[in-house]
Amino acid sequence: MNQVQCIFPQGQTTPERVLSNPWYDKGFCEPNQYKAAIDRCKGGYESCELFIEIFSERARIEREYISNLEKWSAASIKEISQSKEFGTNKKAWIESIRASKEIGSTHGDIVQRLQENVIDKMVSYKKENYGKSILHVKKIKEFERDFEQAQKSWIKLLDKINKSRRDYQDAQRLLKKAETAEKIIESDRGAEEEQKSQMKLSVSTYKKQSEATRSKYQQNIEDMKNTRPNYENSMKEVLDRTHAFERRRLTQFKTLFAALHQALIIEKDSHLLTMTDLFNKSAAAHDAEKDIQWWNSHFGSDTNTAWPSFEELKD
């Protein structure tokens, strides 16, 4: 079974200096490294919001298109009706406008599918999984509390280890200084025996202090080794829950991407078939010869011309 690798606190690493992610390339169980998982949860919440915002804007564009199409259709039909055009050409022109307006119904269906099957589904998912209080997202705060609780005793132990390490290393430094001073006095023929005795006593004292701090340091390290398995398991248990939480979000995104595809498919749309049928009927009804004949019968050579004739003055 894979284990979370927990490492002791380290100095600043090169990746931390050069990368924008402050948690990159460090052991997860180091103090506060769990914030990488918390940040991922926050990013998931923000991505859900961004998803809703982006596709709500797409739906708004669709609605705006429908509205503009309706305005264009009404204005166009009015202008054609008031023009000097006539006959089947005028009728076919108006019918073609009405037919092309049918595409608005297709886009209306797109809006409905986007809203119901994509946007509303994400809104519901966000509400169910990222419930908010006034100050924070409840689930994320829960994870944060659990990580803090799992790490609380570990951080205390690390503090003890770090203190005992400093105490031991400080004692070692003092011991080395005392040993160096002892060698200098021993080689000094003019040094008094009392000075030599005092220095030997000093070296002996620092040795005892060094051994005592070394023993305490080693004991704290042993305590850490004994504590580490439970600590790792506690951290991994919370981390696994954040993995499951993130996995649900990613699965939801995948599901809604498929729903988005279905929402935008129009190749089998019934309104397109209606539009095509209307276009074909209006085009089939167009008859240039019929229009010429109609015009000719009303304004052309088939009209009765009032030829002038000689007229007498009438009383």
Protein backbone atom coordinates (compact mmCIF):
# COMPACT_ATOMS: atom_id res chain seq x y z
CA MET A 1 0.00 0.00 0.00
CA ASN A 2 1.34 3.41 -0.87
CA GLN A 3 2.27 5.52 2.12
CA VAL A 4 2.28 9.27 2.40
CA GLN A 5 5.92 10.25 2.84
CA CYS A 6 6.33 12.64 5.76
CA ILE A 7 9.61 14.48 6.07
CA PHE A 8 11.07 16.77 8.67
CA PRO A 9 10.99 20.52 8.16
CA GLN A 10 13.66 21.54 5.66
CA GLY A 11 15.24 24.78 4.57
CA GLN A 12 13.93 26.71 1.61
CA THR A 13 14.18 24.63 -1.53
CA THR A 14 14.96 25.87 -5.00
CA PRO A 15 11.49 24.96 -6.40
CA GLU A 16 9.84 27.00 -3.62
CA ARG A 17 11.90 30.01 -4.59
CA VAL A 18 11.33 29.76 -8.33
CA LEU A 19 7.77 28.44 -8.56
CA SER A 20 4.58 30.28 -7.77
CA ASN A 21 3.20 27.28 -5.84
CA PRO A 22 4.67 27.57 -2.32
CA TRP A 23 3.87 23.92 -1.54
CA TYR A 24 5.67 22.43 -4.51
CA ASP A 25 8.18 19.61 -3.97
CA LYS A 26 7.86 19.33 -0.18
CA GLY A 27 6.73 16.45 2.01
CA PHE A 28 2.97 16.51 2.52
CA CYS A 29 3.22 15.84 6.25
CA GLU A 30 5.53 18.75 6.93
CA PRO A 31 3.92 21.50 9.02
CA ASN A 32 1.24 23.38 7.08
CA GLN A 33 1.90 21.47 3.84
CA TYR A 34 -1.70 20.22 4.04
CA LYS A 35 -2.65 23.70 2.88
CA ALA A 36 -1.87 22.49 -0.66
CA ALA A 37 -4.91 20.19 -0.34
CA ILE A 38 -6.98 23.01 1.17
CA ASP A 39 -5.97 25.27 -1.71
CA ARG A 40 -7.04 22.56 -4.18
CA CYS A 41 -10.48 22.44 -2.53
CA LYS A 42 -10.76 26.23 -2.75
CA GLY A 43 -9.71 26.05 -6.40
CA GLY A 44 -12.44 23.47 -7.03
CA TYR A 45 -15.05 25.78 -5.54
CA GLU A 46 -13.79 28.66 -7.68
CA SER A 47 -13.85 26.44 -10.79
CA CYS A 48 -17.49 25.55 -10.15
CA GLU A 49 -18.31 29.25 -9.93
CA LEU A 50 -16.33 29.94 -13.10
CA PHE A 51 -18.15 27.10 -14.91
CA ILE A 52 -21.52 28.62 -13.99
CA GLU A 53 -20.37 32.11 -14.99
CA ILE A 54 -18.96 31.04 -18.38
CA PHE A 55 -21.97 29.01 -19.52
CA SER A 56 -24.47 31.52 -18.13
CA GLU A 57 -22.77 34.02 -20.41
CA ARG A 58 -23.14 31.58 -23.32
CA ALA A 59 -26.87 31.26 -22.55
CA ARG A 60 -27.12 35.07 -22.39
CA ILE A 61 -25.52 35.32 -25.84
CA GLU A 62 -28.04 32.79 -27.17
CA ARG A 63 -30.94 34.75 -25.68
CA GLU A 64 -29.58 37.97 -27.11
CA TYR A 65 -29.28 36.32 -30.52
CA ILE A 66 -32.91 35.18 -30.34
CA SER A 67 -34.05 38.67 -29.36
CA ASN A 68 -32.04 40.29 -32.15
CA LEU A 69 -33.32 37.74 -34.65
CA GLU A 70 -36.93 38.53 -33.73
CA LYS A 71 -36.31 42.28 -34.06
CA TRP A 72 -34.59 41.76 -37.40
CA SER A 73 -37.44 39.56 -38.66
CA ALA A 74 -40.20 42.01 -37.72
CA ALA A 75 -38.34 45.00 -39.18
CA SER A 76 -37.45 43.14 -42.38
CA ILE A 77 -40.99 41.95 -43.03
CA LYS A 78 -42.31 45.47 -42.46
CA GLU A 79 -39.82 46.94 -44.95
CA ILE A 80 -40.56 44.29 -47.57
CA SER A 81 -44.31 44.78 -47.09
CA GLN A 82 -43.94 48.53 -47.66
CA SER A 83 -41.62 48.15 -50.65
CA LYS A 84 -42.65 48.22 -54.29
CA GLU A 85 -41.97 44.51 -54.61
CA PHE A 86 -44.98 42.37 -55.63
CA GLY A 87 -46.29 38.94 -56.46
CA THR A 88 -44.72 35.60 -55.67
CA ASN A 89 -41.29 37.24 -55.31
CA LYS A 90 -42.61 39.45 -52.49
CA LYS A 91 -44.38 36.53 -50.84
CA ALA A 92 -41.33 34.23 -51.15
CA TRP A 93 -39.11 36.97 -49.71
CA ILE A 94 -41.38 37.44 -46.66
CA GLU A 95 -41.75 33.69 -46.18
CA SER A 96 -37.98 33.24 -46.34
CA ILE A 97 -37.64 35.77 -43.50
CA ARG A 98 -40.23 33.90 -41.48
CA ALA A 99 -38.50 30.63 -42.23
CA SER A 100 -35.09 31.91 -41.16
CA LYS A 101 -36.63 33.15 -37.92
CA GLU A 102 -37.32 29.50 -37.07
CA ILE A 103 -33.64 29.13 -36.18
CA GLY A 104 -34.48 31.22 -33.13
CA SER A 105 -36.52 28.32 -31.80
CA THR A 106 -33.49 26.09 -32.19
CA HIS A 107 -31.42 28.51 -30.15
CA GLY A 108 -34.24 28.71 -27.62
CA ASP A 109 -33.93 24.95 -27.19
CA ILE A 110 -30.17 25.35 -26.78
CA VAL A 111 -30.75 27.91 -24.02
CA GLN A 112 -33.18 25.59 -22.25
CA ARG A 113 -30.81 22.62 -22.44
CA LEU A 114 -27.87 24.74 -21.29
CA GLN A 115 -29.83 26.09 -18.36
CA GLU A 116 -31.49 22.88 -17.20
CA ASN A 117 -28.89 20.23 -18.04
CA VAL A 118 -25.63 22.15 -17.54
CA ILE A 119 -25.88 25.36 -15.51
CA ASP A 120 -28.60 24.32 -13.04
CA LYS A 121 -26.88 20.97 -12.48
CA MET A 122 -23.64 22.71 -11.54
CA VAL A 123 -25.50 25.20 -9.33
CA SER A 124 -27.10 22.28 -7.47
CA TYR A 125 -23.78 20.45 -7.20
CA LYS A 126 -22.02 23.54 -5.82
CA LYS A 127 -24.80 24.14 -3.30
CA GLU A 128 -24.77 20.52 -2.10
CA ASN A 129 -20.99 20.16 -1.86
CA TYR A 130 -19.74 23.66 -1.12
CA GLY A 131 -22.28 24.98 1.38
CA LYS A 132 -21.13 28.37 2.66
CA SER A 133 -21.37 30.11 5.98
CA ILE A 134 -20.84 33.85 6.20
CA LEU A 135 -17.04 33.56 6.25
CA HIS A 136 -16.06 30.31 4.58
CA VAL A 137 -17.01 27.15 2.68
CA LYS A 138 -18.08 24.65 5.34
CA LYS A 139 -16.54 21.52 3.79
CA ILE A 140 -13.19 23.19 3.21
CA LYS A 141 -13.16 24.50 6.79
CA GLU A 142 -13.94 20.99 8.00
CA PHE A 143 -10.93 19.58 6.12
CA GLU A 144 -8.74 22.35 7.48
CA ARG A 145 -9.80 21.64 11.08
CA ASP A 146 -9.18 17.90 10.62
CA PHE A 147 -5.69 18.51 9.23
CA GLU A 148 -4.88 20.91 12.05
CA GLN A 149 -6.08 18.39 14.64
CA ALA A 150 -4.06 15.56 13.08
CA GLN A 151 -0.95 17.75 13.02
CA LYS A 152 -1.32 19.42 16.42
CA SER A 153 0.63 16.88 18.53
CA TRP A 154 3.11 16.32 15.71
CA ILE A 155 4.06 19.99 15.61
CA LYS A 156 4.57 19.94 19.39
CA LEU A 157 6.90 16.97 18.97
CA LEU A 158 8.79 18.72 16.18
CA ASP A 159 9.20 21.74 18.42
CA LYS A 160 10.67 19.48 21.13
CA ILE A 161 13.00 17.85 18.60
CA ASN A 162 14.15 21.20 17.25
CA LYS A 163 14.76 22.54 20.78
CA SER A 164 16.66 19.43 21.88
CA ARG A 165 18.70 19.57 18.67
CA ARG A 166 19.64 23.19 19.35
CA ASP A 167 20.44 22.39 22.99
CA TYR A 168 22.63 19.44 21.98
CA GLN A 169 24.46 21.35 19.27
CA ASP A 170 24.99 24.34 21.59
CA ALA A 171 26.42 21.96 24.23
CA GLN A 172 28.68 20.43 21.59
CA ARG A 173 30.01 23.85 20.64
CA LEU A 174 30.73 24.70 24.28
CA LEU A 175 32.44 21.32 24.77
CA LYS A 176 34.67 21.82 21.76
CA LYS A 177 35.64 25.30 22.99
CA ALA A 178 36.44 23.87 26.42
CA GLU A 179 38.50 21.01 24.94
CA THR A 180 40.42 23.49 22.80
CA ALA A 181 41.07 25.68 25.83
CA GLU A 182 42.21 22.62 27.82
CA LYS A 183 44.75 21.70 25.15
CA ILE A 184 46.09 25.24 25.14
CA ILE A 185 46.48 25.28 28.94
CA GLU A 186 48.05 21.81 28.98
CA SER A 187 50.68 22.98 26.50
CA ASP A 188 51.30 26.16 28.51
CA ARG A 189 54.23 25.43 30.85
CA GLY A 190 53.43 28.54 32.85
CA ALA A 191 49.87 27.51 33.60
CA GLU A 192 49.06 26.69 37.21
CA GLU A 193 47.75 23.31 38.22
CA GLU A 194 44.62 24.91 39.58
CA GLN A 195 43.85 26.39 36.15
CA LYS A 196 44.41 23.01 34.55
CA SER A 197 42.15 21.35 37.10
CA GLN A 198 39.41 23.93 36.57
CA MET A 199 39.60 23.45 32.82
CA LYS A 200 39.42 19.67 33.17
CA LEU A 201 36.38 20.14 35.40
CA SER A 202 34.86 22.46 32.79
CA VAL A 203 35.43 19.90 30.04
CA SER A 204 33.91 17.19 32.22
CA THR A 205 30.87 19.37 32.93
CA TYR A 206 30.31 20.15 29.24
CA LYS A 207 30.71 16.46 28.37
CA LYS A 208 27.97 15.55 30.82
CA GLN A 209 25.79 18.37 29.49
CA SER A 210 26.45 17.25 25.92
CA GLU A 211 25.65 13.63 26.79
CA ALA A 212 22.46 14.66 28.56
CA THR A 213 21.22 16.84 25.70
CA ARG A 214 22.28 14.16 23.21
CA SER A 215 20.26 11.58 25.12
CA LYS A 216 17.21 13.85 25.20
CA TYR A 217 17.61 14.63 21.49
CA GLN A 218 17.85 10.93 20.63
CA GLN A 219 14.86 10.14 22.81
CA ASN A 220 12.77 12.75 21.02
CA ILE A 221 13.84 11.26 17.69
CA GLU A 222 12.76 7.83 18.91
CA ASP A 223 9.43 9.30 20.05
CA MET A 224 9.02 10.74 16.58
CA LYS A 225 9.71 7.35 14.96
CA ASN A 226 7.12 5.71 17.21
CA THR A 227 4.58 8.47 16.64
CA ARG A 228 5.11 8.78 12.90
CA PRO A 229 2.93 5.81 11.71
CA ASN A 230 -0.20 7.06 13.52
CA TYR A 231 0.48 10.62 12.40
CA GLU A 232 0.94 9.56 8.78
CA ASN A 233 -2.23 7.50 8.87
CA SER A 234 -4.20 10.40 10.36
CA MET A 235 -2.95 12.81 7.71
CA LYS A 236 -3.52 10.29 4.92
CA GLU A 237 -7.08 9.63 6.12
CA VAL A 238 -7.97 13.32 5.84
CA LEU A 239 -6.07 13.62 2.54
CA ASP A 240 -7.98 10.65 1.11
CA ARG A 241 -11.23 12.41 1.97
CA THR A 242 -10.06 15.49 0.07
CA HIS A 243 -9.15 13.19 -2.85
CA ALA A 244 -12.67 11.74 -2.81
CA PHE A 245 -14.13 15.24 -2.62
CA GLU A 246 -12.03 16.37 -5.58
CA ARG A 247 -12.77 13.18 -7.52
CA ARG A 248 -16.52 13.87 -7.25
CA ARG A 249 -15.98 17.39 -8.58
CA LEU A 250 -13.91 16.22 -11.55
CA THR A 251 -16.47 13.51 -12.32
CA GLN A 252 -19.21 16.16 -12.21
CA PHE A 253 -17.28 18.30 -14.66
CA LYS A 254 -16.88 15.33 -17.01
CA THR A 255 -20.61 14.59 -16.82
CA LEU A 256 -21.52 18.21 -17.53
CA PHE A 257 -19.08 18.45 -20.43
CA ALA A 258 -21.01 15.58 -22.02
CA ALA A 259 -24.29 17.36 -21.21
CA LEU A 260 -22.89 20.53 -22.77
CA HIS A 261 -22.15 18.64 -25.98
CA GLN A 262 -25.70 17.30 -26.07
CA ALA A 263 -27.09 20.78 -25.36
CA LEU A 264 -25.33 22.25 -28.39
CA ILE A 265 -26.12 19.49 -30.91
CA ILE A 266 -28.66 20.77 -33.47
CA GLU A 267 -28.28 18.36 -36.36
CA LYS A 268 -31.53 16.53 -35.46
CA ASP A 269 -33.37 19.61 -34.31
CA SER A 270 -37.04 19.67 -35.39
CA HIS A 271 -36.98 23.45 -35.87
CA LEU A 272 -34.32 23.08 -38.55
CA LEU A 273 -36.56 20.64 -40.39
CA THR A 274 -39.44 23.13 -40.13
CA MET A 275 -37.22 25.93 -41.38
CA THR A 276 -36.02 23.82 -44.31
CA ASP A 277 -39.61 22.91 -45.19
CA LEU A 278 -40.69 26.57 -45.11
CA PHE A 279 -37.75 27.62 -47.22
CA ASN A 280 -38.53 24.93 -49.81
CA LYS A 281 -42.22 25.86 -49.94
CA SER A 282 -41.48 29.58 -50.32
CA ALA A 283 -38.93 28.88 -53.04
CA ALA A 284 -41.30 26.49 -54.83
CA ALA A 285 -44.08 29.10 -54.76
CA HIS A 286 -41.80 31.62 -56.46
CA ASP A 287 -42.86 32.01 -60.13
CA ALA A 288 -41.10 34.65 -62.20
CA GLU A 289 -43.44 34.22 -65.19
CA LYS A 290 -46.49 34.48 -62.97
CA ASP A 291 -45.14 37.72 -61.48
CA ILE A 292 -44.35 39.12 -64.92
CA GLN A 293 -47.85 38.20 -66.10
CA TRP A 294 -49.43 39.74 -62.98
CA TRP A 295 -47.48 42.95 -63.48
CA ASN A 296 -48.26 42.95 -67.17
CA SER A 297 -51.97 42.50 -66.52
CA HIS A 298 -52.04 45.39 -64.07
CA PHE A 299 -49.47 47.77 -65.47
CA GLY A 300 -48.26 46.38 -68.78
CA SER A 301 -49.50 45.55 -72.21
CA ASP A 302 -52.51 43.53 -71.01
CA THR A 303 -54.08 46.62 -69.51
CA ASN A 304 -56.76 48.62 -71.35
CA THR A 305 -55.12 51.74 -72.64
CA ALA A 306 -57.29 54.84 -72.94
CA TRP A 307 -56.40 55.89 -76.47
CA PRO A 308 -57.21 59.53 -77.30
CA SER A 309 -60.04 60.27 -79.76
CA PHE A 310 -61.48 63.48 -81.23
CA GLU A 311 -63.79 65.13 -78.75
CA GLU A 312 -66.25 67.98 -79.37
CA LEU A 313 -66.77 70.70 -76.90
CA LYS A 314 -69.45 69.70 -74.50
CA ASP A 315 -71.88 72.25 -73.10
